Structures are given as structure tokens and as C-alpha cells.
Amino acid sequence: MEIIKLKDYPEICDKIDFDIKDGKIIYINFSLNGKNVLIDLKNLFTEMEVSAFSEISFKDIDEKYHPLVNELIKYIEKSERNNLIKKKIIQMKHKNL
């Protein structure tokens, strides 16, 4: 599970927890001061393929959440790139053994 701690959205959300498995978000939760918030976004993103994040239609998302969603997308894309690099390194090590 990964956690994003946010400081720029004190009235909206201060933490996002999520878990990705096989290229899909299997769990995501938005919270503010320990309480679950943004249930609509949670429902939208749960079970979404990570590859689909770059094609999200922002017309379905309240405009005040756009910066938060953009930050989430950047974080997830970076996280997935790092995971892919780690997998490639492990594969190369096993290949060389």
C-alpha cells in the first residue's frame, strides 16, 4: 500500500492511500483528518487500470478536485515507472545467474 500525504488541500483531503495490483487500482481511499472523504472519486478510481489514468475525463470530476487528481495521477505514474524499473532489474539479475 502506498500513502500520499498532502498539504496543499487542507479543506479537501490530507491523505490518499492506494494499492495497485496487476496494473489496476485495487484499493484507494481519500481522507481528511482521519475521516473518509471524496467517496465519488474513490468509486471512480477503484478497479481502474493505471493505464487509463492518462485518459480520465475531467468533465466527470468537480473542478475543485482537478489539482488533487492531477497530483494523484503524477504520483501513480511515477510509482508505476519505478516498479517497472525494479522488475526489469530483477529480471536482468536472474537472467545473469
N, C-alpha and C. Protein backbone atom coordinates (compact mmCIF):
# COMPACT_ATOMS: atom_id res chain seq x y z
N MET A 1 0.85 -1.17 0.00
CA MET A 1 0.00 0.00 0.00
C MET A 1 0.90 1.23 0.00
N GLU A 2 0.47 2.21 -0.73
CA GLU A 2 1.21 3.47 -0.79
C GLU A 2 0.36 4.57 -0.19
N ILE A 3 1.04 5.56 0.37
CA ILE A 3 0.36 6.67 1.03
C ILE A 3 0.92 7.97 0.49
N ILE A 4 0.02 8.86 0.11
CA ILE A 4 0.40 10.21 -0.30
C ILE A 4 -0.12 11.15 0.78
N LYS A 5 0.78 11.88 1.41
CA LYS A 5 0.38 12.88 2.39
C LYS A 5 0.35 14.23 1.68
N LEU A 6 -0.77 14.90 1.78
CA LEU A 6 -0.98 16.15 1.06
C LEU A 6 -1.03 17.33 2.02
N LYS A 7 -0.48 18.45 1.59
CA LYS A 7 -0.52 19.66 2.40
C LYS A 7 -1.24 20.80 1.69
N ASP A 8 -1.40 20.67 0.39
CA ASP A 8 -1.95 21.77 -0.41
C ASP A 8 -3.47 21.81 -0.46
N TYR A 9 -4.14 20.85 0.15
CA TYR A 9 -5.61 20.77 0.07
C TYR A 9 -6.21 20.58 1.46
N PRO A 10 -5.93 21.50 2.39
CA PRO A 10 -6.35 21.29 3.79
C PRO A 10 -7.85 21.23 4.01
N GLU A 11 -8.63 21.72 3.08
CA GLU A 11 -10.09 21.68 3.22
C GLU A 11 -10.71 20.50 2.48
N ILE A 12 -9.90 19.81 1.68
CA ILE A 12 -10.44 18.75 0.82
C ILE A 12 -9.94 17.37 1.24
N CYS A 13 -8.62 17.22 1.33
CA CYS A 13 -8.04 15.89 1.56
C CYS A 13 -6.60 16.07 2.05
N ASP A 14 -6.20 15.29 3.06
CA ASP A 14 -4.82 15.38 3.52
C ASP A 14 -4.04 14.07 3.36
N LYS A 15 -4.74 13.00 2.93
CA LYS A 15 -4.04 11.73 2.74
C LYS A 15 -4.79 10.86 1.73
N ILE A 16 -4.02 10.22 0.87
CA ILE A 16 -4.57 9.25 -0.07
C ILE A 16 -3.81 7.95 0.13
N ASP A 17 -4.54 6.88 0.39
CA ASP A 17 -3.96 5.53 0.48
C ASP A 17 -4.41 4.78 -0.76
N PHE A 18 -3.51 4.04 -1.36
CA PHE A 18 -3.94 3.23 -2.50
C PHE A 18 -3.04 2.02 -2.65
N ASP A 19 -3.57 1.04 -3.34
CA ASP A 19 -2.82 -0.18 -3.62
C ASP A 19 -3.08 -0.57 -5.07
N ILE A 20 -2.02 -0.93 -5.76
CA ILE A 20 -2.11 -1.31 -7.17
C ILE A 20 -1.64 -2.76 -7.30
N LYS A 21 -2.41 -3.53 -8.05
CA LYS A 21 -2.02 -4.93 -8.31
C LYS A 21 -2.33 -5.23 -9.77
N ASP A 22 -1.35 -5.78 -10.45
CA ASP A 22 -1.50 -6.14 -11.86
C ASP A 22 -1.99 -4.97 -12.72
N GLY A 23 -1.45 -3.78 -12.44
CA GLY A 23 -1.78 -2.61 -13.24
C GLY A 23 -3.14 -2.01 -12.98
N LYS A 24 -3.77 -2.42 -11.88
CA LYS A 24 -5.11 -1.94 -11.56
C LYS A 24 -5.15 -1.44 -10.11
N ILE A 25 -5.87 -0.35 -9.90
CA ILE A 25 -6.03 0.15 -8.53
C ILE A 25 -7.05 -0.74 -7.84
N ILE A 26 -6.58 -1.51 -6.88
CA ILE A 26 -7.50 -2.42 -6.19
C ILE A 26 -8.07 -1.79 -4.93
N TYR A 27 -7.42 -0.73 -4.46
CA TYR A 27 -7.90 -0.03 -3.26
C TYR A 27 -7.45 1.41 -3.34
N ILE A 28 -8.35 2.33 -3.00
CA ILE A 28 -7.99 3.74 -2.88
C ILE A 28 -8.91 4.38 -1.85
N ASN A 29 -8.33 5.24 -1.03
CA ASN A 29 -9.12 5.93 -0.02
C ASN A 29 -8.59 7.35 0.14
N PHE A 30 -9.48 8.29 0.19
CA PHE A 30 -9.15 9.69 0.42
C PHE A 30 -9.61 10.03 1.83
N SER A 31 -8.76 10.70 2.59
CA SER A 31 -9.18 11.05 3.95
C SER A 31 -8.75 12.47 4.30
N LEU A 32 -9.49 13.03 5.23
CA LEU A 32 -9.23 14.36 5.77
C LEU A 32 -9.39 14.25 7.27
N ASN A 33 -8.31 14.52 7.98
CA ASN A 33 -8.30 14.41 9.44
C ASN A 33 -8.80 13.05 9.92
N GLY A 34 -8.42 12.00 9.21
CA GLY A 34 -8.76 10.64 9.60
C GLY A 34 -10.14 10.16 9.18
N LYS A 35 -10.91 11.01 8.52
CA LYS A 35 -12.26 10.61 8.08
C LYS A 35 -12.26 10.43 6.56
N ASN A 36 -12.98 9.42 6.12
CA ASN A 36 -13.09 9.16 4.68
C ASN A 36 -13.85 10.28 4.00
N VAL A 37 -13.30 10.75 2.90
CA VAL A 37 -13.93 11.81 2.10
C VAL A 37 -13.85 11.43 0.63
N LEU A 38 -14.48 12.20 -0.20
CA LEU A 38 -14.42 12.04 -1.66
C LEU A 38 -14.79 10.63 -2.11
N ILE A 39 -15.89 10.15 -1.60
CA ILE A 39 -16.37 8.80 -1.92
C ILE A 39 -16.61 8.64 -3.42
N ASP A 40 -17.10 9.69 -4.08
CA ASP A 40 -17.33 9.60 -5.54
C ASP A 40 -16.03 9.34 -6.30
N LEU A 41 -14.94 10.03 -5.88
CA LEU A 41 -13.66 9.79 -6.52
C LEU A 41 -13.16 8.39 -6.22
N LYS A 42 -13.36 7.95 -5.00
CA LYS A 42 -12.97 6.58 -4.62
C LYS A 42 -13.67 5.58 -5.53
N ASN A 43 -14.96 5.75 -5.72
CA ASN A 43 -15.73 4.83 -6.57
C ASN A 43 -15.28 4.91 -8.02
N LEU A 44 -14.92 6.09 -8.48
CA LEU A 44 -14.47 6.28 -9.86
C LEU A 44 -13.15 5.56 -10.12
N PHE A 45 -12.22 5.66 -9.16
CA PHE A 45 -10.87 5.14 -9.37
C PHE A 45 -10.69 3.68 -8.98
N THR A 46 -11.52 3.15 -8.09
CA THR A 46 -11.36 1.76 -7.67
C THR A 46 -11.58 0.83 -8.86
N GLU A 47 -10.68 -0.10 -9.02
CA GLU A 47 -10.67 -1.08 -10.12
C GLU A 47 -10.29 -0.47 -11.47
N MET A 48 -9.84 0.78 -11.47
CA MET A 48 -9.42 1.42 -12.73
C MET A 48 -8.02 0.94 -13.09
N GLU A 49 -7.82 0.70 -14.37
CA GLU A 49 -6.49 0.36 -14.87
C GLU A 49 -5.61 1.60 -14.78
N VAL A 50 -4.39 1.43 -14.33
CA VAL A 50 -3.47 2.56 -14.21
C VAL A 50 -3.26 3.21 -15.57
N SER A 51 -3.22 2.42 -16.62
CA SER A 51 -3.03 2.97 -17.97
C SER A 51 -4.17 3.89 -18.39
N ALA A 52 -5.33 3.75 -17.78
CA ALA A 52 -6.48 4.59 -18.12
C ALA A 52 -6.43 5.95 -17.44
N PHE A 53 -5.54 6.12 -16.49
CA PHE A 53 -5.46 7.39 -15.77
C PHE A 53 -5.16 8.56 -16.70
N SER A 54 -4.34 8.32 -17.70
CA SER A 54 -3.98 9.41 -18.61
C SER A 54 -5.15 9.82 -19.50
N GLU A 55 -6.21 9.03 -19.50
CA GLU A 55 -7.37 9.31 -20.34
C GLU A 55 -8.61 9.70 -19.52
N ILE A 56 -8.40 10.05 -18.26
CA ILE A 56 -9.54 10.40 -17.40
C ILE A 56 -10.26 11.61 -17.96
N SER A 57 -11.56 11.55 -17.95
CA SER A 57 -12.38 12.68 -18.38
C SER A 57 -12.64 13.58 -17.17
N PHE A 58 -12.05 14.74 -17.19
CA PHE A 58 -12.21 15.66 -16.07
C PHE A 58 -13.59 16.29 -16.02
N LYS A 59 -14.37 16.13 -17.06
CA LYS A 59 -15.72 16.69 -17.04
C LYS A 59 -16.60 15.99 -16.01
N ASP A 60 -16.22 14.76 -15.64
CA ASP A 60 -16.98 13.99 -14.65
C ASP A 60 -16.53 14.28 -13.21
N ILE A 61 -15.50 15.12 -13.06
CA ILE A 61 -14.93 15.40 -11.75
C ILE A 61 -15.11 16.88 -11.43
N ASP A 62 -15.57 17.17 -10.22
CA ASP A 62 -15.75 18.55 -9.78
C ASP A 62 -14.44 19.31 -9.97
N GLU A 63 -14.54 20.50 -10.53
CA GLU A 63 -13.37 21.30 -10.88
C GLU A 63 -12.45 21.57 -9.70
N LYS A 64 -13.00 21.69 -8.50
CA LYS A 64 -12.15 21.99 -7.34
C LYS A 64 -11.24 20.81 -6.99
N TYR A 65 -11.52 19.62 -7.52
CA TYR A 65 -10.69 18.44 -7.26
C TYR A 65 -9.65 18.19 -8.35
N HIS A 66 -9.68 18.95 -9.42
CA HIS A 66 -8.75 18.73 -10.53
C HIS A 66 -7.28 18.75 -10.11
N PRO A 67 -6.82 19.75 -9.33
CA PRO A 67 -5.41 19.73 -8.92
C PRO A 67 -5.05 18.49 -8.09
N LEU A 68 -5.95 18.08 -7.23
CA LEU A 68 -5.73 16.89 -6.41
C LEU A 68 -5.62 15.64 -7.29
N VAL A 69 -6.50 15.51 -8.25
CA VAL A 69 -6.48 14.36 -9.16
C VAL A 69 -5.22 14.37 -10.01
N ASN A 70 -4.82 15.55 -10.48
CA ASN A 70 -3.58 15.65 -11.26
C ASN A 70 -2.38 15.19 -10.44
N GLU A 71 -2.34 15.59 -9.18
CA GLU A 71 -1.24 15.18 -8.31
C GLU A 71 -1.25 13.66 -8.10
N LEU A 72 -2.43 13.10 -7.90
CA LEU A 72 -2.57 11.65 -7.75
C LEU A 72 -2.08 10.92 -9.00
N ILE A 73 -2.48 11.40 -10.16
CA ILE A 73 -2.08 10.78 -11.43
C ILE A 73 -0.56 10.80 -11.57
N LYS A 74 0.06 11.94 -11.31
CA LYS A 74 1.52 12.04 -11.41
C LYS A 74 2.20 11.07 -10.46
N TYR A 75 1.71 10.98 -9.24
CA TYR A 75 2.30 10.09 -8.24
C TYR A 75 2.18 8.63 -8.67
N ILE A 76 1.01 8.25 -9.13
CA ILE A 76 0.78 6.86 -9.53
C ILE A 76 1.63 6.51 -10.76
N GLU A 77 1.69 7.40 -11.73
CA GLU A 77 2.51 7.14 -12.92
C GLU A 77 3.98 6.99 -12.54
N LYS A 78 4.46 7.84 -11.65
CA LYS A 78 5.85 7.76 -11.20
C LYS A 78 6.08 6.45 -10.44
N SER A 79 5.17 6.10 -9.59
CA SER A 79 5.26 4.86 -8.81
C SER A 79 5.29 3.64 -9.73
N GLU A 80 4.44 3.63 -10.74
CA GLU A 80 4.40 2.51 -11.68
C GLU A 80 5.68 2.43 -12.51
N ARG A 81 6.23 3.57 -12.91
CA ARG A 81 7.50 3.57 -13.64
C ARG A 81 8.61 2.97 -12.77
N ASN A 82 8.65 3.39 -11.50
CA ASN A 82 9.66 2.87 -10.59
C ASN A 82 9.50 1.36 -10.39
N ASN A 83 8.28 0.90 -10.26
CA ASN A 83 8.04 -0.54 -10.11
C ASN A 83 8.47 -1.31 -11.34
N LEU A 84 8.22 -0.75 -12.51
CA LEU A 84 8.63 -1.39 -13.75
C LEU A 84 10.15 -1.49 -13.84
N ILE A 85 10.83 -0.42 -13.46
CA ILE A 85 12.30 -0.43 -13.47
C ILE A 85 12.83 -1.49 -12.51
N LYS A 86 12.24 -1.58 -11.32
CA LYS A 86 12.66 -2.60 -10.34
C LYS A 86 12.47 -4.00 -10.90
N LYS A 87 11.34 -4.24 -11.55
CA LYS A 87 11.08 -5.56 -12.13
C LYS A 87 12.10 -5.90 -13.21
N LYS A 88 12.43 -4.91 -14.04
CA LYS A 88 13.42 -5.13 -15.11
C LYS A 88 14.78 -5.47 -14.52
N ILE A 89 15.17 -4.77 -13.45
CA ILE A 89 16.46 -5.03 -12.80
C ILE A 89 16.49 -6.44 -12.23
N ILE A 90 15.41 -6.84 -11.57
CA ILE A 90 15.33 -8.19 -11.00
C ILE A 90 15.40 -9.24 -12.10
N GLN A 91 14.70 -9.00 -13.21
CA GLN A 91 14.74 -9.94 -14.33
C GLN A 91 16.16 -10.07 -14.89
N MET A 92 16.85 -8.93 -15.00
CA MET A 92 18.22 -8.95 -15.53
C MET A 92 19.15 -9.71 -14.59
N LYS A 93 18.97 -9.53 -13.28
CA LYS A 93 19.81 -10.23 -12.31
C LYS A 93 19.59 -11.73 -12.40
N HIS A 94 18.34 -12.15 -12.50
CA HIS A 94 18.03 -13.57 -12.60
C HIS A 94 18.55 -14.16 -13.91
N LYS A 95 18.52 -13.37 -14.94
CA LYS A 95 18.99 -13.82 -16.25
C LYS A 95 20.50 -14.05 -16.24
N ASN A 96 21.20 -13.21 -15.47
CA ASN A 96 22.66 -13.30 -15.41
C ASN A 96 23.16 -14.37 -14.45
N LEU A 97 22.28 -14.96 -13.67
CA LEU A 97 22.71 -16.00 -12.72
C LEU A 97 22.92 -17.33 -13.37
